Amino acid sequence: MGSMEMGLEETNLSNQSTMEMKLNRQMKKKKKKTKSRNFLISRLGCFRFDGGVSTAETPDSDGGFSVEAGSGGRRDHSPPTHLVVMVNGIIGSAQNWRYVAKQFVKAYPNDVIVHCSESNSSMLTFDGVDVMGKRLADEVICVVDSHPNLRKISFVGHSLGGLIARYAIAVLYNKQDVIIKNGNENGECGKIETQISSLEDKLRRNIAGLEPVNFITSATPHLGCRGHKQVPVFCGFYAMEKLASRASWLLGKTGRHLFLSDCDDGKPPLLLRMSTDYEDLKFISALKLFKRRVAYANTRFDHLVGWSSSSLRRRKELPNHRNFQKNAKYPHVVNEEKPNAQNSHEEFSLEAKVAKGKISEMEETMIRGLTRMSWERVDVSFSGSIQRLLAHNTIQVKTRCINYDGADVIQHTVDNFQL
């Protein structure tokens, strides 16, 4: 009996050991699957679920939308006071900003409401920078009118959107806009513009009646596309650049503006005019009002906008790639340049620059005009990323599941945003 009991006991121990080994193998397989699944989810951004602060979207009649924190995401019930206007690039739409808008709202749930503009979407982006700038200005006025608690305003523009925003702020500069809701069903906004008269109001400059804070551009062709190597896809071949300039009409009025080939009523090209206070549009004075001006630029692999154009630098001023440093928190941000204004008050004739017909001189004029005020410059590189050939859109995270590597650049924008 003793030997039988010992045999049974050994058998039970053996079975128990076998069961434990099977359970351990199953647990390891489960952990491996979970780890693999989490890795895939982390890489495929379009399948990730947002945690933390809930967001609420309010659609507009024109197809745009505003994003703010949901009722459960705010510490208090007072409405946000800081409007962030996001402006898309060529053939873009408000949907391009969905990821970015949510990151802003989650970071500052009590402070910001983000409006993703839709007044210049799709084929409307061929209508010209001036036309689009006026449309954006009208859209901003309507948004401000519908949110009476707003006190501050910031702009974030991607690619062409940066130029549109620069024109719009000149339209909105230093005017008190009184919005009147029409009594019709579509609720269109009308406005009566009254010039500021009192000395106190003159000293308190504003944009659409709000205090301007951040003006941020990302991969924006501030110097246009006509200059040498300003459109990298042409690989620096002068013949291709010249041919593209002649074919700029294919992009409508916008194309002529970008390639500096417009000549409205004998005036200088629009982008050249936008580098100074021209007639009744105070392009530079409006930009100077903002507490921060930031230019994010791709150093490589942006086939549409050159590094010098998007970073507002002369080519000889571009940093050496060998001096780039990796940032653990923002791995694709390789260089940050603190604000530095030239403080030049030199007067120059735009007409004289155009008469000489040299693109290099027009570029120099634009750089001098735009750098009279300080700019923060943030250089971005997606070198080593599988998405580097899509750098122009990745810097914006235009489509989350395709351009997810740009998320750290967006986080950098959010973290350095001034309320």
Protein backbone atom coordinates (compact mmCIF):
# COMPACT_ATOMS: atom_id res chain seq x y z
CA MET A 1 0.00 0.00 0.00
CA GLY A 2 2.82 2.37 0.87
CA SER A 3 4.48 1.94 -2.53
CA MET A 4 1.12 2.47 -4.33
CA GLU A 5 0.47 5.69 -2.38
CA MET A 6 3.93 6.94 -3.19
CA GLY A 7 3.39 6.12 -6.86
CA LEU A 8 0.08 7.98 -6.93
CA GLU A 9 1.66 10.94 -5.17
CA GLU A 10 4.50 11.04 -7.70
CA THR A 11 1.98 10.83 -10.55
CA ASN A 12 -0.03 13.74 -9.09
CA LEU A 13 3.11 15.82 -8.68
CA SER A 14 4.11 15.03 -12.25
CA ASN A 15 0.66 16.00 -13.56
CA GLN A 16 0.71 19.19 -11.48
CA SER A 17 4.13 20.09 -12.84
CA THR A 18 2.93 19.44 -16.38
CA MET A 19 -0.12 21.66 -15.83
CA GLU A 20 2.06 24.46 -14.42
CA MET A 21 4.34 24.27 -17.44
CA LYS A 22 1.36 24.47 -19.80
CA LEU A 23 -0.05 27.45 -17.89
CA ASN A 24 3.32 29.21 -18.00
CA ARG A 25 3.56 28.63 -21.76
CA GLN A 26 0.02 29.97 -22.24
CA MET A 27 0.79 33.05 -20.13
CA LYS A 28 3.96 33.72 -22.14
CA LYS A 29 2.03 33.38 -25.41
CA LYS A 30 -0.67 35.72 -24.10
CA LYS A 31 1.91 38.31 -23.03
CA LYS A 32 3.64 38.02 -26.39
CA LYS A 33 0.36 38.54 -28.25
CA THR A 34 -0.54 41.50 -26.05
CA LYS A 35 2.88 43.05 -26.58
CA SER A 36 2.65 42.48 -30.33
CA ARG A 37 -0.86 43.93 -30.44
CA ASN A 38 0.19 46.98 -28.42
CA PHE A 39 3.16 47.52 -30.72
CA LEU A 40 0.95 47.41 -33.80
CA ILE A 41 -1.56 49.76 -32.23
CA SER A 42 1.19 52.18 -31.27
CA ARG A 43 2.51 52.21 -34.83
CA LEU A 44 -0.84 52.36 -36.58
CA GLY A 45 -2.02 55.67 -35.21
CA CYS A 46 -5.40 55.51 -36.93
CA PHE A 47 -6.36 52.55 -34.72
CA ARG A 48 -5.35 54.17 -31.43
CA PHE A 49 -7.94 55.30 -28.99
CA ASP A 50 -7.53 58.73 -27.37
CA GLY A 51 -7.48 58.71 -23.60
CA GLY A 52 -7.68 61.45 -21.06
CA VAL A 53 -9.73 64.57 -21.69
CA SER A 54 -12.85 64.10 -23.79
CA THR A 55 -13.35 66.45 -26.72
CA ALA A 56 -16.48 67.80 -28.34
CA GLU A 57 -16.76 68.85 -31.98
CA THR A 58 -19.21 71.48 -33.19
CA PRO A 59 -19.72 71.45 -36.98
CA ASP A 60 -20.16 74.68 -38.90
CA SER A 61 -22.50 75.32 -41.79
CA ASP A 62 -19.56 75.70 -44.20
CA GLY A 63 -18.01 72.31 -43.39
CA GLY A 64 -15.48 73.46 -40.82
CA PHE A 65 -15.67 72.56 -37.15
CA SER A 66 -14.60 73.75 -33.72
CA VAL A 67 -13.12 71.49 -31.05
CA GLU A 68 -13.21 72.11 -27.30
CA ALA A 69 -13.09 70.03 -24.15
CA GLY A 70 -16.21 68.05 -23.29
CA SER A 71 -18.24 68.94 -20.22
CA GLY A 72 -16.39 66.34 -18.16
CA GLY A 73 -12.96 67.51 -19.29
CA ARG A 74 -12.96 70.96 -17.70
CA ARG A 75 -12.10 71.78 -14.11
CA ASP A 76 -14.64 74.60 -14.19
CA HIS A 77 -17.67 75.40 -16.30
CA SER A 78 -16.48 78.74 -17.67
CA PRO A 79 -16.08 78.78 -21.47
CA PRO A 80 -12.57 78.96 -23.01
CA THR A 81 -11.18 82.39 -23.81
CA HIS A 82 -8.40 81.58 -26.29
CA LEU A 83 -9.32 80.92 -29.94
CA VAL A 84 -6.86 78.88 -32.01
CA VAL A 85 -7.52 79.13 -35.76
CA MET A 86 -6.05 76.34 -37.91
CA VAL A 87 -5.64 76.92 -41.64
CA ASN A 88 -5.11 74.14 -44.19
CA GLY A 89 -2.82 74.14 -47.21
CA ILE A 90 -3.46 73.64 -50.91
CA ILE A 91 -6.26 71.18 -51.76
CA GLY A 92 -6.63 70.61 -48.02
CA SER A 93 -9.58 70.77 -45.66
CA ALA A 94 -10.51 71.21 -42.01
CA GLN A 95 -10.23 67.43 -41.56
CA ASN A 96 -6.44 67.70 -41.91
CA TRP A 97 -6.35 69.32 -38.46
CA ARG A 98 -8.43 66.77 -36.55
CA TYR A 99 -5.48 65.17 -34.75
CA VAL A 100 -3.73 68.46 -33.97
CA ALA A 101 -6.92 70.11 -32.70
CA LYS A 102 -7.55 67.30 -30.22
CA GLN A 103 -4.00 67.50 -28.86
CA PHE A 104 -4.41 71.22 -28.17
CA VAL A 105 -7.74 70.76 -26.43
CA LYS A 106 -6.48 67.86 -24.31
CA ALA A 107 -3.46 69.91 -23.22
CA TYR A 108 -5.47 73.05 -22.42
CA PRO A 109 -9.08 71.94 -21.81
CA ASN A 110 -10.03 75.02 -19.79
CA ASP A 111 -8.37 77.59 -22.00
CA VAL A 112 -8.68 76.96 -25.73
CA ILE A 113 -11.26 76.38 -28.39
CA VAL A 114 -9.81 75.28 -31.72
CA HIS A 115 -11.49 76.29 -34.97
CA CYS A 116 -10.48 74.28 -38.04
CA SER A 117 -11.15 76.58 -40.97
CA GLU A 118 -13.05 75.33 -44.01
CA SER A 119 -13.57 78.54 -46.00
CA ASN A 120 -10.64 77.64 -48.26
CA SER A 121 -10.85 73.91 -48.89
CA SER A 122 -10.18 71.71 -51.88
CA MET A 123 -10.34 73.56 -55.23
CA LEU A 124 -11.03 76.87 -53.49
CA THR A 125 -7.31 76.94 -52.65
CA PHE A 126 -6.62 77.93 -56.29
CA ASP A 127 -8.46 81.25 -55.94
CA GLY A 128 -5.46 83.28 -54.80
CA VAL A 129 -3.90 84.16 -51.45
CA ASP A 130 -5.73 87.49 -51.30
CA VAL A 131 -9.17 86.03 -51.96
CA MET A 132 -8.58 83.21 -49.47
CA GLY A 133 -7.22 85.62 -46.87
CA LYS A 134 -10.38 87.71 -47.04
CA ARG A 135 -12.55 84.60 -46.78
CA LEU A 136 -10.63 83.43 -43.73
CA ALA A 137 -10.97 86.87 -42.12
CA ASP A 138 -14.74 86.78 -42.60
CA GLU A 139 -14.87 83.26 -41.15
CA VAL A 140 -12.84 84.31 -38.09
CA ILE A 141 -15.16 87.25 -37.46
CA CYS A 142 -18.18 84.93 -37.50
CA VAL A 143 -16.48 82.53 -35.05
CA VAL A 144 -15.54 85.38 -32.71
CA ASP A 145 -19.10 86.69 -32.84
CA SER A 146 -20.49 83.29 -31.81
CA HIS A 147 -18.15 83.04 -28.80
CA PRO A 148 -18.48 86.30 -26.82
CA ASN A 149 -16.15 85.10 -24.03
CA LEU A 150 -13.08 85.03 -26.28
CA ARG A 151 -10.19 87.29 -25.29
CA LYS A 152 -7.16 85.94 -27.18
CA ILE A 153 -6.42 84.58 -30.65
CA SER A 154 -3.68 82.44 -32.23
CA PHE A 155 -3.16 81.07 -35.74
CA VAL A 156 -1.62 77.79 -36.89
CA GLY A 157 -1.12 77.41 -40.65
CA HIS A 158 0.27 74.52 -42.66
CA SER A 159 1.94 75.11 -46.04
CA LEU A 160 -0.16 77.58 -48.07
CA GLY A 161 -2.30 78.04 -44.95
CA GLY A 162 0.51 80.08 -43.39
CA LEU A 163 0.33 82.62 -46.24
CA ILE A 164 -3.47 82.72 -46.06
CA ALA A 165 -3.27 83.44 -42.33
CA ARG A 166 -0.70 86.21 -42.91
CA TYR A 167 -3.08 87.93 -45.32
CA ALA A 168 -6.10 87.42 -43.06
CA ILE A 169 -4.50 89.04 -40.01
CA ALA A 170 -3.75 92.14 -42.09
CA VAL A 171 -7.45 92.36 -42.94
CA LEU A 172 -8.39 91.86 -39.28
CA TYR A 173 -5.73 94.24 -37.97
CA ASN A 174 -6.68 97.11 -35.73
CA LYS A 175 -10.40 97.18 -36.50
CA GLN A 176 -13.34 96.74 -34.20
CA ASP A 177 -15.67 94.48 -36.12
CA VAL A 178 -19.33 94.68 -35.17
CA ILE A 179 -21.09 91.56 -36.37
CA ILE A 180 -24.76 91.75 -37.22
CA LYS A 181 -26.71 88.54 -37.60
CA ASN A 182 -28.99 88.77 -40.57
CA GLY A 183 -32.58 87.76 -39.99
CA ASN A 184 -32.53 85.15 -42.73
CA GLU A 185 -32.53 81.40 -42.25
CA ASN A 186 -28.93 80.76 -43.20
CA GLY A 187 -27.68 83.06 -40.44
CA GLU A 188 -25.01 84.74 -42.56
CA CYS A 189 -22.76 87.21 -40.83
CA GLY A 190 -22.60 90.82 -41.88
CA LYS A 191 -20.18 93.32 -40.44
CA ILE A 192 -19.77 97.00 -39.96
CA GLU A 193 -16.15 98.02 -39.61
CA THR A 194 -15.61 101.08 -37.46
CA GLN A 195 -12.16 102.62 -37.17
CA ILE A 196 -10.80 102.87 -33.66
CA SER A 197 -10.95 106.49 -32.64
CA SER A 198 -9.85 106.90 -29.03
CA LEU A 199 -6.17 107.09 -28.12
CA GLU A 200 -6.59 104.30 -25.57
CA ASP A 201 -7.93 101.91 -28.19
CA LYS A 202 -5.25 102.91 -30.68
CA LEU A 203 -2.61 101.87 -28.18
CA ARG A 204 -4.38 98.56 -27.60
CA ARG A 205 -3.90 96.95 -31.00
CA ASN A 206 -5.76 93.76 -31.74
CA ILE A 207 -6.72 91.16 -34.31
CA ALA A 208 -10.50 90.83 -34.75
CA GLY A 209 -10.92 92.54 -31.40
CA LEU A 210 -8.78 89.92 -29.60
CA GLU A 211 -5.30 89.88 -28.13
CA PRO A 212 -2.93 88.13 -30.60
CA VAL A 213 -0.61 85.57 -28.99
CA ASN A 214 0.85 82.80 -31.23
CA PHE A 215 1.39 82.86 -34.99
CA ILE A 216 2.70 79.46 -36.05
CA THR A 217 3.50 78.24 -39.56
CA SER A 218 4.54 74.77 -40.65
CA ALA A 219 6.23 74.05 -44.01
CA THR A 220 4.99 77.40 -45.35
CA PRO A 221 6.54 78.86 -48.55
CA HIS A 222 7.04 82.35 -47.10
CA LEU A 223 9.38 83.29 -49.97
CA GLY A 224 7.27 81.73 -52.71
CA CYS A 225 8.25 78.94 -55.08
CA ARG A 226 10.08 80.75 -57.86
CA GLY A 227 13.54 81.01 -56.33
CA HIS A 228 16.33 78.52 -56.90
CA LYS A 229 15.77 75.28 -54.93
CA GLN A 230 12.58 76.60 -53.33
CA VAL A 231 10.67 73.63 -54.77
CA PRO A 232 12.96 70.66 -53.98
CA VAL A 233 11.15 68.27 -56.32
CA PHE A 234 12.83 70.11 -59.25
CA CYS A 235 16.22 69.01 -57.86
CA GLY A 236 17.74 72.46 -58.43
CA PHE A 237 17.54 72.24 -62.24
CA TYR A 238 17.09 75.78 -63.55
CA ALA A 239 15.29 74.57 -66.67
CA MET A 240 12.65 72.75 -64.64
CA GLU A 241 12.24 75.71 -62.26
CA LYS A 242 11.77 78.05 -65.20
CA LEU A 243 9.25 75.72 -66.84
CA ALA A 244 7.30 75.43 -63.59
CA SER A 245 7.17 79.21 -63.28
CA ARG A 246 5.70 79.50 -66.77
CA ALA A 247 3.15 76.78 -65.97
CA SER A 248 2.11 78.37 -62.67
CA TRP A 249 -1.28 79.25 -64.18
CA LEU A 250 -2.21 75.58 -63.78
CA LEU A 251 -2.67 76.33 -60.07
CA GLY A 252 -4.89 79.29 -60.84
CA LYS A 253 -4.33 82.66 -59.23
CA THR A 254 -2.64 80.93 -56.29
CA GLY A 255 0.03 79.54 -58.62
CA ARG A 256 0.81 83.01 -59.96
CA HIS A 257 1.11 84.31 -56.40
CA LEU A 258 3.44 81.48 -55.33
CA PHE A 259 5.70 81.89 -58.38
CA LEU A 260 5.73 85.70 -58.10
CA SER A 261 4.34 86.02 -61.62
CA ASP A 262 1.25 88.07 -60.75
CA CYS A 263 1.12 91.71 -61.75
CA ASP A 264 -2.20 93.20 -60.67
CA ASP A 265 -2.62 96.74 -62.01
CA GLY A 266 1.12 97.16 -62.25
CA LYS A 267 1.65 96.39 -58.56
CA PRO A 268 4.53 94.24 -57.27
CA PRO A 269 3.83 90.51 -56.76
CA LEU A 270 1.53 89.87 -53.80
CA LEU A 271 4.08 87.99 -51.69
CA LEU A 272 6.47 90.91 -52.10
CA ARG A 273 3.76 93.31 -50.96
CA MET A 274 3.08 91.08 -47.97
CA SER A 275 6.63 91.66 -46.70
CA THR A 276 5.77 95.24 -45.75
CA ASP A 277 2.82 97.43 -44.80
CA TYR A 278 1.41 98.04 -48.26
CA GLU A 279 -1.25 100.70 -48.71
CA ASP A 280 -4.16 99.98 -46.35
CA LEU A 281 -3.07 96.40 -45.51
CA LYS A 282 -0.63 96.38 -42.61
CA PHE A 283 0.93 92.95 -43.13
CA ILE A 284 4.01 93.54 -40.97
CA SER A 285 2.29 95.59 -38.28
CA ALA A 286 -0.25 92.79 -37.84
CA LEU A 287 2.48 90.14 -37.51
CA LYS A 288 4.35 92.24 -34.97
CA LEU A 289 1.33 92.20 -32.66
CA PHE A 290 1.76 88.51 -31.88
CA LYS A 291 3.79 87.63 -28.79
CA ARG A 292 5.31 84.65 -30.62
CA ARG A 293 6.00 83.91 -34.27
CA VAL A 294 7.20 80.38 -34.98
CA ALA A 295 8.34 78.77 -38.24
CA TYR A 296 8.52 74.96 -38.35
CA ALA A 297 10.49 73.73 -41.36
CA ASN A 298 11.49 70.41 -42.88
CA THR A 299 15.24 70.23 -43.41
CA ARG A 300 14.98 67.39 -45.96
CA PHE A 301 12.49 65.29 -47.91
CA ASP A 302 9.89 68.06 -48.28
CA HIS A 303 9.44 67.98 -52.05
CA LEU A 304 7.12 70.99 -52.20
CA VAL A 305 8.63 73.67 -49.95
CA GLY A 306 12.32 74.50 -49.58
CA TRP A 307 14.00 74.69 -46.19
CA SER A 308 15.07 78.33 -46.54
CA SER A 309 11.57 79.43 -47.61
CA SER A 310 9.78 77.71 -44.74
CA SER A 311 12.35 78.78 -42.12
CA LEU A 312 12.74 82.38 -43.36
CA ARG A 313 16.49 82.13 -43.83
CA ARG A 314 18.97 82.85 -46.57
CA ARG A 315 20.49 79.63 -47.88
CA LYS A 316 23.89 80.54 -46.45
CA GLU A 317 22.26 80.88 -43.02
CA LEU A 318 20.88 77.34 -42.92
CA PRO A 319 22.36 75.28 -40.05
CA ASN A 320 24.83 72.52 -40.81
CA HIS A 321 23.24 69.06 -40.60
CA ARG A 322 26.26 67.83 -38.65
CA ASN A 323 25.35 70.17 -35.81
CA PHE A 324 21.87 68.70 -35.41
CA GLN A 325 21.13 67.11 -32.06
CA LYS A 326 18.58 64.45 -31.27
CA ASN A 327 15.96 65.30 -28.70
CA ALA A 328 14.74 62.37 -26.60
CA LYS A 329 11.30 63.91 -26.11
CA TYR A 330 10.93 65.20 -29.68
CA PRO A 331 13.06 62.86 -31.81
CA HIS A 332 12.29 64.61 -35.11
CA VAL A 333 13.04 68.12 -33.86
CA VAL A 334 16.74 68.48 -34.69
CA ASN A 335 17.35 72.19 -34.16
CA GLU A 336 15.72 75.09 -32.33
CA GLU A 337 16.66 78.70 -32.90
CA LYS A 338 15.67 81.33 -30.39
CA PRO A 339 13.91 84.52 -31.52
CA ASN A 340 16.27 86.97 -33.18
CA ALA A 341 15.08 90.08 -35.00
CA GLN A 342 17.21 92.11 -37.39
CA ASN A 343 15.51 95.33 -36.25
CA SER A 344 16.06 96.89 -39.65
CA HIS A 345 14.16 100.06 -40.43
CA GLU A 346 15.59 100.38 -43.92
CA GLU A 347 13.10 101.75 -46.42
CA PHE A 348 13.05 100.19 -49.86
CA SER A 349 11.01 100.41 -53.03
CA LEU A 350 9.17 97.23 -53.98
CA GLU A 351 8.64 98.58 -57.49
CA ALA A 352 12.40 99.03 -57.91
CA LYS A 353 13.05 95.42 -56.92
CA VAL A 354 10.48 94.18 -59.43
CA ALA A 355 11.86 96.43 -62.17
CA LYS A 356 15.28 94.81 -61.82
CA GLY A 357 13.59 91.46 -62.42
CA LYS A 358 15.96 89.45 -60.20
CA ILE A 359 14.28 86.77 -58.11
CA SER A 360 17.20 86.75 -55.69
CA GLU A 361 16.63 90.44 -54.92
CA MET A 362 12.91 89.89 -54.40
CA GLU A 363 13.69 87.01 -52.02
CA GLU A 364 16.12 89.22 -50.11
CA THR A 365 13.47 91.93 -49.84
CA MET A 366 10.94 89.44 -48.44
CA ILE A 367 13.42 88.07 -45.90
CA ARG A 368 14.36 91.57 -44.72
CA GLY A 369 10.74 92.58 -44.39
CA LEU A 370 9.60 89.46 -42.54
CA THR A 371 12.58 89.30 -40.18
CA ARG A 372 12.14 92.84 -38.88
CA MET A 373 10.44 91.03 -36.01
CA SER A 374 11.68 88.02 -34.08
CA TRP A 375 10.90 84.43 -35.14
CA GLU A 376 11.42 81.15 -33.37
CA ARG A 377 12.69 78.60 -35.87
CA VAL A 378 12.20 74.89 -35.36
CA ASP A 379 13.96 72.58 -37.82
CA VAL A 380 12.49 69.12 -38.34
CA SER A 381 14.00 66.03 -39.93
CA PHE A 382 12.28 62.73 -40.67
CA SER A 383 15.51 61.16 -41.88
CA GLY A 384 15.42 57.49 -40.94
CA SER A 385 11.63 57.43 -40.83
CA ILE A 386 9.66 55.35 -43.29
CA GLN A 387 7.46 58.44 -43.73
CA ARG A 388 10.30 60.76 -44.74
CA LEU A 389 9.12 60.97 -48.36
CA LEU A 390 5.82 62.33 -47.02
CA ALA A 391 7.56 64.92 -44.84
CA HIS A 392 5.41 67.82 -46.10
CA ASN A 393 2.29 66.19 -44.64
CA THR A 394 3.94 64.28 -41.80
CA ILE A 395 5.02 67.52 -40.10
CA GLN A 396 1.28 68.25 -39.73
CA VAL A 397 0.11 64.66 -39.09
CA LYS A 398 -2.34 65.32 -41.89
CA THR A 399 -3.61 61.74 -41.90
CA ARG A 400 -2.99 60.06 -38.59
CA CYS A 401 -2.50 56.48 -39.76
CA ILE A 402 -0.10 57.59 -42.53
CA ASN A 403 1.78 60.50 -40.95
CA TYR A 404 1.96 59.37 -37.29
CA ASP A 405 5.73 59.98 -37.02
CA GLY A 406 5.02 63.71 -36.87
CA ALA A 407 3.22 63.35 -33.54
CA ASP A 408 6.29 64.50 -31.59
CA VAL A 409 6.47 67.69 -33.69
CA ILE A 410 2.84 68.41 -32.85
CA GLN A 411 3.59 67.72 -29.19
CA HIS A 412 6.44 70.23 -29.38
CA THR A 413 4.01 72.80 -30.81
CA VAL A 414 1.50 72.13 -28.04
CA ASP A 415 4.08 72.14 -25.22
CA ASN A 416 5.53 75.49 -26.30
CA PHE A 417 2.18 77.14 -26.99
CA GLN A 418 1.66 80.34 -25.01
CA LEU A 419 -1.75 80.83 -23.43
